[in-house]
Amino acid sequence: MADEKKIDEKDFSKRTNQLIALTALILAICATFASLYAGANASKGILAQNQVSDGWAYYQAKGIKQTIYSSQLEMLEIDPPANPDPAKLAELKKDYTETVDRYDKEREEIKADTQSKEKDRDHFLALNKNFAGALTYLQIAILLTSLAGLMKQIYFWYAGIAIGAFGVFNFVQAMMMV
């Protein structure tokens, strides 16, 4: 009778160790995906930030050119050249006015496009933050689960499962934002 009890304890311990190892494996797989998604979204966020920076630089460059043409137009109106050909002066003023208007329209398009890219950047960085948070919880859960197997303390396993479930929940939430 005493021998049967020892065998049952050994079987339970072996099954528990298998469950602990399986839990660690599942958590590691989830952590791998969370890590991949966090990295991918960080890269997309950085790329979007570069596009935003380029967009605002382009917007400013168009503004500088627009200011130059506006200044030239003002100078023609304030101080016209001596003995100007009226037809050429009118054509020049018309060209400058059209150029200023064109730059104004282009700047509005660039502004809208850049603001759209800012939204993309913010979205990707928020995703990165959420996936990285999930990854952190999953890594802690893996550590606790591994510790449970090493120390033969089931309470570490329970803590690892609880924290791992929270990490998986955060991962699924982040996936819903994608």
C-alpha atoms as a PDB file:
ATOM      1  CA  MET A   1       0.000   0.000   0.000  1.00  0.00           C
ATOM      2  CA  ALA A   2       2.835   2.397   0.848  1.00  0.00           C
ATOM      3  CA  ASP A   3       4.548   1.564  -2.445  1.00  0.00           C
ATOM      4  CA  GLU A   4       1.397   2.431  -4.410  1.00  0.00           C
ATOM      5  CA  LYS A   5       1.265   5.890  -2.784  1.00  0.00           C
ATOM      6  CA  LYS A   6       4.883   6.639  -3.750  1.00  0.00           C
ATOM      7  CA  ILE A   7       4.242   5.576  -7.353  1.00  0.00           C
ATOM      8  CA  ASP A   8       1.203   7.856  -7.570  1.00  0.00           C
ATOM      9  CA  GLU A   9       3.231  10.799  -6.229  1.00  0.00           C
ATOM     10  CA  LYS A  10       5.946  10.128  -8.795  1.00  0.00           C
ATOM     11  CA  ASP A  11       3.387   9.934 -11.615  1.00  0.00           C
ATOM     12  CA  PHE A  12       1.750  13.159 -10.437  1.00  0.00           C
ATOM     13  CA  SER A  13       5.122  14.863 -10.266  1.00  0.00           C
ATOM     14  CA  LYS A  14       6.034  13.616 -13.745  1.00  0.00           C
ATOM     15  CA  ARG A  15       2.686  14.808 -15.157  1.00  0.00           C
ATOM     16  CA  THR A  16       3.057  18.132 -13.380  1.00  0.00           C
ATOM     17  CA  ASN A  17       6.535  18.610 -14.844  1.00  0.00           C
ATOM     18  CA  GLN A  18       5.168  17.789 -18.298  1.00  0.00           C
ATOM     19  CA  LEU A  19       2.373  20.333 -17.864  1.00  0.00           C
ATOM     20  CA  ILE A  20       4.867  22.923 -16.643  1.00  0.00           C
ATOM     21  CA  ALA A  21       7.070  22.285 -19.693  1.00  0.00           C
ATOM     22  CA  LEU A  22       4.058  22.462 -22.021  1.00  0.00           C
ATOM     23  CA  THR A  23       2.979  25.736 -20.407  1.00  0.00           C
ATOM     24  CA  ALA A  24       6.459  27.183 -20.867  1.00  0.00           C
ATOM     25  CA  LEU A  25       6.432  26.074 -24.512  1.00  0.00           C
ATOM     26  CA  ILE A  26       3.062  27.688 -25.219  1.00  0.00           C
ATOM     27  CA  LEU A  27       4.136  30.898 -23.486  1.00  0.00           C
ATOM     28  CA  ALA A  28       7.385  30.930 -25.472  1.00  0.00           C
ATOM     29  CA  ILE A  29       5.485  30.570 -28.754  1.00  0.00           C
ATOM     30  CA  CYS A  30       3.192  33.458 -27.803  1.00  0.00           C
ATOM     31  CA  ALA A  31       6.213  35.524 -26.752  1.00  0.00           C
ATOM     32  CA  THR A  32       7.869  34.837 -30.095  1.00  0.00           C
ATOM     33  CA  PHE A  33       4.883  36.174 -31.997  1.00  0.00           C
ATOM     34  CA  ALA A  34       4.579  39.172 -29.680  1.00  0.00           C
ATOM     35  CA  SER A  35       8.251  39.919 -30.248  1.00  0.00           C
ATOM     36  CA  LEU A  36       7.883  39.679 -34.032  1.00  0.00           C
ATOM     37  CA  TYR A  37       4.852  41.955 -34.079  1.00  0.00           C
ATOM     38  CA  ALA A  38       6.483  44.449 -31.702  1.00  0.00           C
ATOM     39  CA  GLY A  39       9.579  44.636 -33.896  1.00  0.00           C
ATOM     40  CA  ALA A  40       7.615  44.888 -37.128  1.00  0.00           C
ATOM     41  CA  ASN A  41       5.456  47.703 -35.809  1.00  0.00           C
ATOM     42  CA  ALA A  42       8.458  49.531 -34.384  1.00  0.00           C
ATOM     43  CA  SER A  43      10.072  49.393 -37.833  1.00  0.00           C
ATOM     44  CA  LYS A  44       6.889  50.602 -39.495  1.00  0.00           C
ATOM     45  CA  GLY A  45       6.640  53.416 -36.942  1.00  0.00           C
ATOM     46  CA  ILE A  46      10.216  54.517 -37.605  1.00  0.00           C
ATOM     47  CA  LEU A  47       9.641  54.412 -41.365  1.00  0.00           C
ATOM     48  CA  ALA A  48       6.447  56.444 -40.959  1.00  0.00           C
ATOM     49  CA  GLN A  49       8.321  58.965 -38.781  1.00  0.00           C
ATOM     50  CA  ASN A  50      10.930  59.359 -41.528  1.00  0.00           C
ATOM     51  CA  GLN A  51       8.150  59.960 -44.044  1.00  0.00           C
ATOM     52  CA  VAL A  52       6.579  62.520 -41.698  1.00  0.00           C
ATOM     53  CA  SER A  53       9.888  64.353 -41.327  1.00  0.00           C
ATOM     54  CA  ASP A  54      10.402  64.322 -45.082  1.00  0.00           C
ATOM     55  CA  GLY A  55       6.841  65.531 -45.632  1.00  0.00           C
ATOM     56  CA  TRP A  56       7.206  68.515 -43.318  1.00  0.00           C
ATOM     57  CA  ALA A  57      10.587  69.387 -44.863  1.00  0.00           C
ATOM     58  CA  TYR A  58       8.976  69.275 -48.309  1.00  0.00           C
ATOM     59  CA  TYR A  59       6.101  71.421 -47.014  1.00  0.00           C
ATOM     60  CA  GLN A  60       8.584  73.990 -45.700  1.00  0.00           C
ATOM     61  CA  ALA A  61      10.560  73.967 -48.950  1.00  0.00           C
ATOM     62  CA  LYS A  62       7.392  74.703 -50.899  1.00  0.00           C
ATOM     63  CA  GLY A  63       6.632  77.490 -48.434  1.00  0.00           C
ATOM     64  CA  ILE A  64      10.049  79.056 -48.987  1.00  0.00           C
ATOM     65  CA  LYS A  65       9.596  78.933 -52.754  1.00  0.00           C
ATOM     66  CA  GLN A  66       6.116  80.395 -52.399  1.00  0.00           C
ATOM     67  CA  THR A  67       7.505  83.226 -50.277  1.00  0.00           C
ATOM     68  CA  ILE A  68      10.173  83.978 -52.884  1.00  0.00           C
ATOM     69  CA  TYR A  69       7.575  84.242 -55.656  1.00  0.00           C
ATOM     70  CA  SER A  70       5.279  86.321 -53.420  1.00  0.00           C
ATOM     71  CA  SER A  71       8.153  88.677 -52.664  1.00  0.00           C
ATOM     72  CA  GLN A  72       9.024  88.969 -56.357  1.00  0.00           C
ATOM     73  CA  LEU A  73       5.382  89.728 -57.150  1.00  0.00           C
ATOM     74  CA  GLU A  74       5.303  92.424 -54.458  1.00  0.00           C
ATOM     75  CA  MET A  75       8.511  93.932 -55.790  1.00  0.00           C
ATOM     76  CA  LEU A  76       7.018  94.113 -59.293  1.00  0.00           C
ATOM     77  CA  GLU A  77       3.979  95.924 -57.926  1.00  0.00           C
ATOM     78  CA  ILE A  78       5.893  98.259 -55.595  1.00  0.00           C
ATOM     79  CA  ASP A  79       8.874  99.005 -57.798  1.00  0.00           C
ATOM     80  CA  PRO A  80       8.277  98.006 -61.426  1.00  0.00           C
ATOM     81  CA  PRO A  81      11.302  97.992 -63.732  1.00  0.00           C
ATOM     82  CA  ALA A  82      12.063 101.135 -65.711  1.00  0.00           C
ATOM     83  CA  ASN A  83      10.483 101.229 -69.175  1.00  0.00           C
ATOM     84  CA  PRO A  84       8.719  97.844 -68.821  1.00  0.00           C
ATOM     85  CA  ASP A  85       6.888  96.193 -71.654  1.00  0.00           C
ATOM     86  CA  PRO A  86       3.323  96.205 -70.251  1.00  0.00           C
ATOM     87  CA  ALA A  87       2.449  92.872 -71.871  1.00  0.00           C
ATOM     88  CA  LYS A  88       5.571  91.168 -70.526  1.00  0.00           C
ATOM     89  CA  LEU A  89       5.068  92.713 -67.067  1.00  0.00           C
ATOM     90  CA  ALA A  90       1.453  91.526 -66.981  1.00  0.00           C
ATOM     91  CA  GLU A  91       2.521  88.052 -68.128  1.00  0.00           C
ATOM     92  CA  LEU A  92       5.243  87.935 -65.453  1.00  0.00           C
ATOM     93  CA  LYS A  93       2.798  89.017 -62.734  1.00  0.00           C
ATOM     94  CA  LYS A  94       0.329  86.400 -63.956  1.00  0.00           C
ATOM     95  CA  ASP A  95       3.010  83.682 -63.891  1.00  0.00           C
ATOM     96  CA  TYR A  96       4.096  84.662 -60.384  1.00  0.00           C
ATOM     97  CA  THR A  97       0.499  84.718 -59.143  1.00  0.00           C
ATOM     98  CA  GLU A  98      -0.201  81.307 -60.664  1.00  0.00           C
ATOM     99  CA  THR A  99       3.003  79.919 -59.156  1.00  0.00           C
ATOM    100  CA  VAL A 100       2.111  81.274 -55.695  1.00  0.00           C
ATOM    101  CA  ASP A 101      -1.375  79.738 -55.992  1.00  0.00           C
ATOM    102  CA  ARG A 102       0.065  76.422 -57.215  1.00  0.00           C
ATOM    103  CA  TYR A 103       2.467  76.270 -54.285  1.00  0.00           C
ATOM    104  CA  ASP A 104      -0.406  77.015 -51.922  1.00  0.00           C
ATOM    105  CA  LYS A 105      -2.399  74.055 -53.308  1.00  0.00           C
ATOM    106  CA  GLU A 106       0.642  71.785 -53.247  1.00  0.00           C
ATOM    107  CA  ARG A 107       1.352  72.727 -49.651  1.00  0.00           C
ATOM    108  CA  GLU A 108      -2.213  71.820 -48.655  1.00  0.00           C
ATOM    109  CA  GLU A 109      -1.860  68.416 -50.345  1.00  0.00           C
ATOM    110  CA  ILE A 110       1.518  67.832 -48.687  1.00  0.00           C
ATOM    111  CA  LYS A 111       0.088  68.869 -45.321  1.00  0.00           C
ATOM    112  CA  ALA A 112      -2.859  66.452 -45.617  1.00  0.00           C
ATOM    113  CA  ASP A 113      -0.586  63.603 -46.718  1.00  0.00           C
ATOM    114  CA  THR A 114       1.894  64.275 -43.915  1.00  0.00           C
ATOM    115  CA  GLN A 115      -0.840  64.441 -41.290  1.00  0.00           C
ATOM    116  CA  SER A 116      -2.129  61.089 -42.552  1.00  0.00           C
ATOM    117  CA  LYS A 117       1.363  59.641 -42.161  1.00  0.00           C
ATOM    118  CA  GLU A 118       1.497  61.045 -38.621  1.00  0.00           C
ATOM    119  CA  LYS A 119      -1.639  59.042 -37.813  1.00  0.00           C
ATOM    120  CA  ASP A 120      -0.024  55.921 -39.293  1.00  0.00           C
ATOM    121  CA  ARG A 121       3.116  56.526 -37.236  1.00  0.00           C
ATOM    122  CA  ASP A 122       1.104  56.953 -34.045  1.00  0.00           C
ATOM    123  CA  HIS A 123      -0.858  53.778 -34.791  1.00  0.00           C
ATOM    124  CA  PHE A 124       2.276  51.701 -35.410  1.00  0.00           C
ATOM    125  CA  LEU A 125       3.993  53.014 -32.287  1.00  0.00           C
ATOM    126  CA  ALA A 126       0.890  52.275 -30.192  1.00  0.00           C
ATOM    127  CA  LEU A 127       0.862  48.738 -31.583  1.00  0.00           C
ATOM    128  CA  ASN A 128       4.552  48.382 -30.782  1.00  0.00           C
ATOM    129  CA  LYS A 129       3.907  49.507 -27.211  1.00  0.00           C
ATOM    130  CA  ASN A 130       1.041  47.036 -26.772  1.00  0.00           C
ATOM    131  CA  PHE A 131       2.952  44.093 -28.247  1.00  0.00           C
ATOM    132  CA  ALA A 132       6.025  44.963 -26.163  1.00  0.00           C
ATOM    133  CA  GLY A 133       3.861  45.067 -23.030  1.00  0.00           C
ATOM    134  CA  ALA A 134       2.393  41.666 -23.857  1.00  0.00           C
ATOM    135  CA  LEU A 135       5.907  40.350 -24.492  1.00  0.00           C
ATOM    136  CA  THR A 136       7.054  41.562 -21.076  1.00  0.00           C
ATOM    137  CA  TYR A 137       4.265  39.714 -19.279  1.00  0.00           C
ATOM    138  CA  LEU A 138       4.880  36.595 -21.340  1.00  0.00           C
ATOM    139  CA  GLN A 139       8.597  36.639 -20.522  1.00  0.00           C
ATOM    140  CA  ILE A 140       7.873  36.995 -16.808  1.00  0.00           C
ATOM    141  CA  ALA A 141       5.409  34.098 -17.080  1.00  0.00           C
ATOM    142  CA  ILE A 142       8.038  31.953 -18.817  1.00  0.00           C
ATOM    143  CA  LEU A 143      10.520  32.720 -16.039  1.00  0.00           C
ATOM    144  CA  LEU A 144       8.027  31.821 -13.316  1.00  0.00           C
ATOM    145  CA  THR A 145       6.988  28.646 -15.107  1.00  0.00           C
ATOM    146  CA  SER A 146      10.614  27.625 -15.554  1.00  0.00           C
ATOM    147  CA  LEU A 147      11.262  28.377 -11.910  1.00  0.00           C
ATOM    148  CA  ALA A 148       8.324  26.136 -10.963  1.00  0.00           C
ATOM    149  CA  GLY A 149       9.924  23.259 -12.858  1.00  0.00           C
ATOM    150  CA  LEU A 150      13.325  23.831 -11.304  1.00  0.00           C
ATOM    151  CA  MET A 151      12.170  24.448  -7.742  1.00  0.00           C
ATOM    152  CA  LYS A 152       9.320  21.900  -7.854  1.00  0.00           C
ATOM    153  CA  GLN A 153       7.008  24.599  -6.482  1.00  0.00           C
ATOM    154  CA  ILE A 154       3.572  24.553  -8.069  1.00  0.00           C
ATOM    155  CA  TYR A 155       2.785  28.075  -6.848  1.00  0.00           C
ATOM    156  CA  PHE A 156       5.318  29.528  -9.273  1.00  0.00           C
ATOM    157  CA  TRP A 157       3.527  27.645 -12.028  1.00  0.00           C
ATOM    158  CA  TYR A 158       0.169  29.088 -10.999  1.00  0.00           C
ATOM    159  CA  ALA A 159       1.666  32.592 -10.918  1.00  0.00           C
ATOM    160  CA  GLY A 160       3.218  31.983 -14.339  1.00  0.00           C
ATOM    161  CA  ILE A 161      -0.116  30.831 -15.741  1.00  0.00           C
ATOM    162  CA  ALA A 162      -1.905  33.891 -14.335  1.00  0.00           C
ATOM    163  CA  ILE A 163       0.659  36.378 -15.638  1.00  0.00           C
ATOM    164  CA  GLY A 164       0.907  34.462 -18.917  1.00  0.00           C
ATOM    165  CA  ALA A 165      -2.862  34.642 -19.353  1.00  0.00           C
ATOM    166  CA  PHE A 166      -2.655  38.398 -18.865  1.00  0.00           C
ATOM    167  CA  GLY A 167       0.151  38.548 -21.452  1.00  0.00           C
ATOM    168  CA  VAL A 168      -1.864  36.478 -23.931  1.00  0.00           C
ATOM    169  CA  PHE A 169      -4.886  38.719 -23.300  1.00  0.00           C
ATOM    170  CA  ASN A 170      -2.760  41.813 -24.057  1.00  0.00           C
ATOM    171  CA  PHE A 171      -1.381  40.111 -27.172  1.00  0.00           C
ATOM    172  CA  VAL A 172      -4.886  39.320 -28.453  1.00  0.00           C
ATOM    173  CA  GLN A 173      -6.002  42.882 -27.720  1.00  0.00           C
ATOM    174  CA  ALA A 174      -3.050  44.238 -29.683  1.00  0.00           C
ATOM    175  CA  MET A 175      -3.846  41.866 -32.561  1.00  0.00           C
ATOM    176  CA  MET A 176      -7.365  43.290 -32.686  1.00  0.00           C
ATOM    177  CA  MET A 177      -5.849  46.751 -33.249  1.00  0.00           C
ATOM    178  CA  VAL A 178      -3.891  45.544 -36.278  1.00  0.00           C
END
